[in-house]
C-alpha atoms as a PDB file:
ATOM      1  CA  MET A   1       3.516  13.023   7.161  1.00  0.00           C
ATOM      2  CA  LYS A   2       0.667  14.436   5.141  1.00  0.00           C
ATOM      3  CA  ASN A   3      -2.428  12.109   5.190  1.00  0.00           C
ATOM      4  CA  LEU A   4      -6.067  11.967   3.969  1.00  0.00           C
ATOM      5  CA  TRP A   5      -7.518  12.781   7.555  1.00  0.00           C
ATOM      6  CA  GLN A   6      -6.012  16.152   7.508  1.00  0.00           C
ATOM      7  CA  SER A   7      -8.715  18.339   5.628  1.00  0.00           C
ATOM      8  CA  ASP A   8      -6.115  20.916   4.228  1.00  0.00           C
ATOM      9  CA  CYS A   9      -4.324  17.885   2.531  1.00  0.00           C
ATOM     10  CA  VAL A  10      -7.565  16.758   1.129  1.00  0.00           C
ATOM     11  CA  GLN A  11      -8.318  20.175  -0.212  1.00  0.00           C
ATOM     12  CA  GLU A  12      -4.912  20.542  -1.658  1.00  0.00           C
ATOM     13  CA  LEU A  13      -5.187  17.214  -3.662  1.00  0.00           C
ATOM     14  CA  LYS A  14      -8.422  18.319  -5.007  1.00  0.00           C
ATOM     15  CA  ASP A  15      -7.258  21.542  -6.022  1.00  0.00           C
ATOM     16  CA  ARG A  16      -4.314  20.011  -7.698  1.00  0.00           C
ATOM     17  CA  ILE A  17      -6.891  17.390  -9.403  1.00  0.00           C
ATOM     18  CA  SER A  18      -8.844  20.276 -10.778  1.00  0.00           C
ATOM     19  CA  ARG A  19      -5.838  21.675 -12.469  1.00  0.00           C
ATOM     20  CA  LEU A  20      -5.499  18.678 -14.811  1.00  0.00           C
ATOM     21  CA  ARG A  21      -6.345  18.794 -18.404  1.00  0.00           C
ATOM     22  CA  PRO A  22      -6.716  16.115 -20.877  1.00  0.00           C
ATOM     23  CA  ASP A  23      -3.617  17.477 -22.559  1.00  0.00           C
ATOM     24  CA  THR A  24      -1.348  18.088 -19.619  1.00  0.00           C
ATOM     25  CA  PRO A  25       1.930  16.568 -20.449  1.00  0.00           C
ATOM     26  CA  ARG A  26       3.376  13.756 -18.323  1.00  0.00           C
ATOM     27  CA  LEU A  27       6.799  13.744 -17.054  1.00  0.00           C
ATOM     28  CA  TRP A  28       7.298  10.147 -16.943  1.00  0.00           C
ATOM     29  CA  GLY A  29       5.309   6.912 -17.273  1.00  0.00           C
ATOM     30  CA  LYS A  30       2.750   5.860 -19.876  1.00  0.00           C
ATOM     31  CA  MET A  31      -0.809   6.866 -18.426  1.00  0.00           C
ATOM     32  CA  THR A  32      -2.723   9.973 -19.686  1.00  0.00           C
ATOM     33  CA  PRO A  33      -4.110  12.189 -16.734  1.00  0.00           C
ATOM     34  CA  ALA A  34      -7.516  10.418 -17.085  1.00  0.00           C
ATOM     35  CA  GLN A  35      -6.016   6.954 -16.636  1.00  0.00           C
ATOM     36  CA  ALA A  36      -3.781   8.105 -13.774  1.00  0.00           C
ATOM     37  CA  MET A  37      -7.013   9.564 -11.715  1.00  0.00           C
ATOM     38  CA  ALA A  38      -8.710   6.128 -12.421  1.00  0.00           C
ATOM     39  CA  HIS A  39      -5.764   4.301 -11.224  1.00  0.00           C
ATOM     40  CA  CYS A  40      -5.531   6.420  -7.952  1.00  0.00           C
ATOM     41  CA  THR A  41      -9.350   5.847  -7.546  1.00  0.00           C
ATOM     42  CA  ILE A  42      -8.476   2.172  -7.593  1.00  0.00           C
ATOM     43  CA  GLY A  43      -5.862   2.619  -4.830  1.00  0.00           C
ATOM     44  CA  VAL A  44      -8.507   4.460  -2.763  1.00  0.00           C
ATOM     45  CA  GLN A  45     -10.993   1.552  -3.183  1.00  0.00           C
ATOM     46  CA  LEU A  46      -8.063  -0.757  -2.090  1.00  0.00           C
ATOM     47  CA  ALA A  47      -7.720   1.251   1.263  1.00  0.00           C
ATOM     48  CA  CYS A  48     -11.321   1.260   1.755  1.00  0.00           C
ATOM     49  CA  GLY A  49     -11.579  -2.606   1.294  1.00  0.00           C
ATOM     50  CA  ASP A  50     -13.715  -2.562  -1.823  1.00  0.00           C
ATOM     51  CA  ARG A  51     -10.720  -4.480  -3.834  1.00  0.00           C
ATOM     52  CA  ARG A  52      -8.888  -7.297  -2.097  1.00  0.00           C
ATOM     53  CA  PRO A  53      -6.094  -8.427  -4.314  1.00  0.00           C
ATOM     54  CA  PRO A  54      -3.694 -11.243  -3.029  1.00  0.00           C
ATOM     55  CA  ARG A  55      -0.283 -10.551  -1.707  1.00  0.00           C
ATOM     56  CA  MET A  56       2.680 -10.490  -4.407  1.00  0.00           C
ATOM     57  CA  LEU A  57       5.507 -12.991  -4.051  1.00  0.00           C
ATOM     58  CA  ILE A  58       7.908 -10.055  -4.143  1.00  0.00           C
ATOM     59  CA  GLY A  59       5.919  -8.223  -1.496  1.00  0.00           C
ATOM     60  CA  ARG A  60       6.032 -11.075   0.843  1.00  0.00           C
ATOM     61  CA  LEU A  61       9.810 -11.416   0.284  1.00  0.00           C
ATOM     62  CA  ILE A  62      10.955  -7.769   0.476  1.00  0.00           C
ATOM     63  CA  GLY A  63       7.715  -5.575   1.173  1.00  0.00           C
ATOM     64  CA  GLY A  64       8.478  -5.087   4.722  1.00  0.00           C
ATOM     65  CA  LEU A  65      12.165  -4.070   4.091  1.00  0.00           C
ATOM     66  CA  ILE A  66      10.776  -1.484   1.625  1.00  0.00           C
ATOM     67  CA  LYS A  67       7.753  -0.309   3.611  1.00  0.00           C
ATOM     68  CA  SER A  68      10.268   1.304   6.234  1.00  0.00           C
ATOM     69  CA  LYS A  69      11.850   3.435   3.677  1.00  0.00           C
ATOM     70  CA  ALA A  70       8.625   4.252   1.432  1.00  0.00           C
ATOM     71  CA  PHE A  71       6.705   5.517   4.343  1.00  0.00           C
ATOM     72  CA  GLN A  72       9.391   8.252   5.160  1.00  0.00           C
ATOM     73  CA  GLU A  73       8.042  11.638   4.381  1.00  0.00           C
ATOM     74  CA  SER A  74      11.410  12.650   2.675  1.00  0.00           C
ATOM     75  CA  GLU A  75      11.167   9.608   0.389  1.00  0.00           C
ATOM     76  CA  PRO A  76       8.994  10.375  -2.512  1.00  0.00           C
ATOM     77  CA  MET A  77       7.511   7.419  -4.513  1.00  0.00           C
ATOM     78  CA  ARG A  78       9.757   6.380  -7.256  1.00  0.00           C
ATOM     79  CA  ARG A  79       8.951   7.168 -10.918  1.00  0.00           C
ATOM     80  CA  ASN A  80       7.796   3.973 -12.773  1.00  0.00           C
ATOM     81  CA  SER A  81       7.216   2.078  -9.531  1.00  0.00           C
ATOM     82  CA  PRO A  82       5.414  -1.337 -10.079  1.00  0.00           C
ATOM     83  CA  THR A  83       1.612  -1.417 -10.075  1.00  0.00           C
ATOM     84  CA  ILE A  84      -0.481  -4.022  -8.247  1.00  0.00           C
ATOM     85  CA  PRO A  85      -1.673  -6.518 -11.103  1.00  0.00           C
ATOM     86  CA  GLY A  86      -4.839  -5.652 -12.193  1.00  0.00           C
ATOM     87  CA  PHE A  87      -4.672  -2.004 -11.082  1.00  0.00           C
ATOM     88  CA  GLN A  88      -3.225  -0.646 -14.319  1.00  0.00           C
ATOM     89  CA  VAL A  89      -5.532   1.431 -16.505  1.00  0.00           C
ATOM     90  CA  SER A  90      -4.864   1.622 -20.158  1.00  0.00           C
ATOM     91  CA  ASP A  91      -8.439   2.160 -21.612  1.00  0.00           C
ATOM     92  CA  ASP A  92      -9.604   5.543 -22.767  1.00  0.00           C
ATOM     93  CA  ARG A  93     -11.348   7.530 -19.964  1.00  0.00           C
ATOM     94  CA  ASP A  94     -12.893  10.965 -19.793  1.00  0.00           C
ATOM     95  CA  LEU A  95     -10.821  13.056 -17.482  1.00  0.00           C
ATOM     96  CA  ALA A  96     -13.523  14.995 -15.886  1.00  0.00           C
ATOM     97  CA  ASP A  97     -15.362  11.990 -14.936  1.00  0.00           C
ATOM     98  CA  GLU A  98     -12.180  10.487 -13.425  1.00  0.00           C
ATOM     99  CA  CYS A  99     -11.522  13.395 -11.385  1.00  0.00           C
ATOM    100  CA  GLN A 100     -15.051  13.745 -10.036  1.00  0.00           C
ATOM    101  CA  LYS A 101     -14.660   9.760  -9.086  1.00  0.00           C
ATOM    102  CA  LEU A 102     -11.403  10.305  -7.440  1.00  0.00           C
ATOM    103  CA  SER A 103     -12.604  13.489  -5.531  1.00  0.00           C
ATOM    104  CA  ARG A 104     -15.640  11.464  -4.237  1.00  0.00           C
ATOM    105  CA  ALA A 105     -13.431   8.363  -3.286  1.00  0.00           C
ATOM    106  CA  ILE A 106     -11.115  11.016  -1.308  1.00  0.00           C
ATOM    107  CA  ASP A 107     -14.036  12.361   0.357  1.00  0.00           C
ATOM    108  CA  ARG A 108     -15.375   9.048   1.249  1.00  0.00           C
ATOM    109  CA  PHE A 109     -12.156   7.905   2.725  1.00  0.00           C
ATOM    110  CA  ALA A 110     -11.409  11.099   4.782  1.00  0.00           C
ATOM    111  CA  ALA A 111     -14.965  10.997   6.034  1.00  0.00           C
ATOM    112  CA  ALA A 112     -14.801   7.405   7.164  1.00  0.00           C
ATOM    113  CA  GLY A 113     -11.629   7.848   9.305  1.00  0.00           C
ATOM    114  CA  PRO A 114      -9.649   4.825  10.583  1.00  0.00           C
ATOM    115  CA  ALA A 115     -12.773   2.659  11.227  1.00  0.00           C
ATOM    116  CA  GLY A 116     -13.184   2.884   7.267  1.00  0.00           C
ATOM    117  CA  CYS A 117      -9.861   1.430   6.422  1.00  0.00           C
ATOM    118  CA  THR A 118      -9.610  -2.164   5.486  1.00  0.00           C
ATOM    119  CA  ASP A 119      -7.763  -4.936   7.418  1.00  0.00           C
ATOM    120  CA  HIS A 120      -6.837  -6.536   4.259  1.00  0.00           C
ATOM    121  CA  PRO A 121      -3.259  -6.568   3.841  1.00  0.00           C
ATOM    122  CA  HIS A 122      -1.559  -4.221   0.960  1.00  0.00           C
ATOM    123  CA  SER A 123      -0.404  -6.390  -1.928  1.00  0.00           C
ATOM    124  CA  PHE A 124       3.242  -5.465  -1.597  1.00  0.00           C
ATOM    125  CA  PHE A 125       3.672  -3.980   1.721  1.00  0.00           C
ATOM    126  CA  GLY A 126       1.637  -6.364   3.829  1.00  0.00           C
ATOM    127  CA  ARG A 127      -0.405  -5.188   6.890  1.00  0.00           C
ATOM    128  CA  LEU A 128      -1.001  -1.406   7.201  1.00  0.00           C
ATOM    129  CA  THR A 129      -2.453   0.520  10.154  1.00  0.00           C
ATOM    130  CA  PRO A 130      -5.174   2.790   9.200  1.00  0.00           C
ATOM    131  CA  ASP A 131      -2.647   5.869   9.661  1.00  0.00           C
ATOM    132  CA  GLU A 132      -0.303   4.169   7.130  1.00  0.00           C
ATOM    133  CA  TRP A 133      -3.209   3.480   4.607  1.00  0.00           C
ATOM    134  CA  SER A 134      -4.074   7.263   5.085  1.00  0.00           C
ATOM    135  CA  MET A 135      -0.375   8.422   4.378  1.00  0.00           C
ATOM    136  CA  TRP A 136      -0.042   5.998   1.585  1.00  0.00           C
ATOM    137  CA  MET A 137      -3.158   7.059  -0.287  1.00  0.00           C
ATOM    138  CA  TYR A 138      -1.785  10.826   0.007  1.00  0.00           C
ATOM    139  CA  LYS A 139       1.517   9.868  -1.122  1.00  0.00           C
ATOM    140  CA  HIS A 140       0.367   7.815  -3.938  1.00  0.00           C
ATOM    141  CA  ILE A 141      -2.209  10.419  -5.312  1.00  0.00           C
ATOM    142  CA  ASP A 142       0.452  13.036  -4.886  1.00  0.00           C
ATOM    143  CA  HIS A 143       2.987  10.789  -6.872  1.00  0.00           C
ATOM    144  CA  HIS A 144       0.414  10.882  -9.882  1.00  0.00           C
ATOM    145  CA  LEU A 145      -0.220  14.580  -9.799  1.00  0.00           C
ATOM    146  CA  GLN A 146       3.487  15.135  -9.871  1.00  0.00           C
ATOM    147  CA  GLN A 147       3.594  12.834 -12.661  1.00  0.00           C
ATOM    148  CA  PHE A 148       1.771  15.716 -14.575  1.00  0.00           C
ATOM    149  CA  GLY A 149       3.441  18.572 -12.876  1.00  0.00           C
ATOM    150  CA  VAL A 150       0.467  19.637 -10.700  1.00  0.00           C
END
């Protein structure tokens, strides 16, 4: 499965990020391109341990069951999937700035490798291995780039 420790996957994401424009139409959801990139940066910060939200009750109940399906390469993230509380971005943002922040966060995560991953559980899925964090970060960013057709 693609992940952020594969340099070709990192470059692919960064190339796709560079193709976003402020007026790129979304195919689903409510976020603008800048808001989506800011949201993805928050996700990478979660994987690095910079953010440590509590487990969600629904995640404690069904997160483990959903995890096995969500982490299959053939299973894309579902459109309009729920967002961890507090990770929504709804204010106006500058796209160029948010793309730079996300690219730097991706580089930081990739350079740190497995030792740089948090041991704090994911709010929905629970405990993730470093490899699972790397795969999930790729999948999450890819999902939001697909949201804008890039």
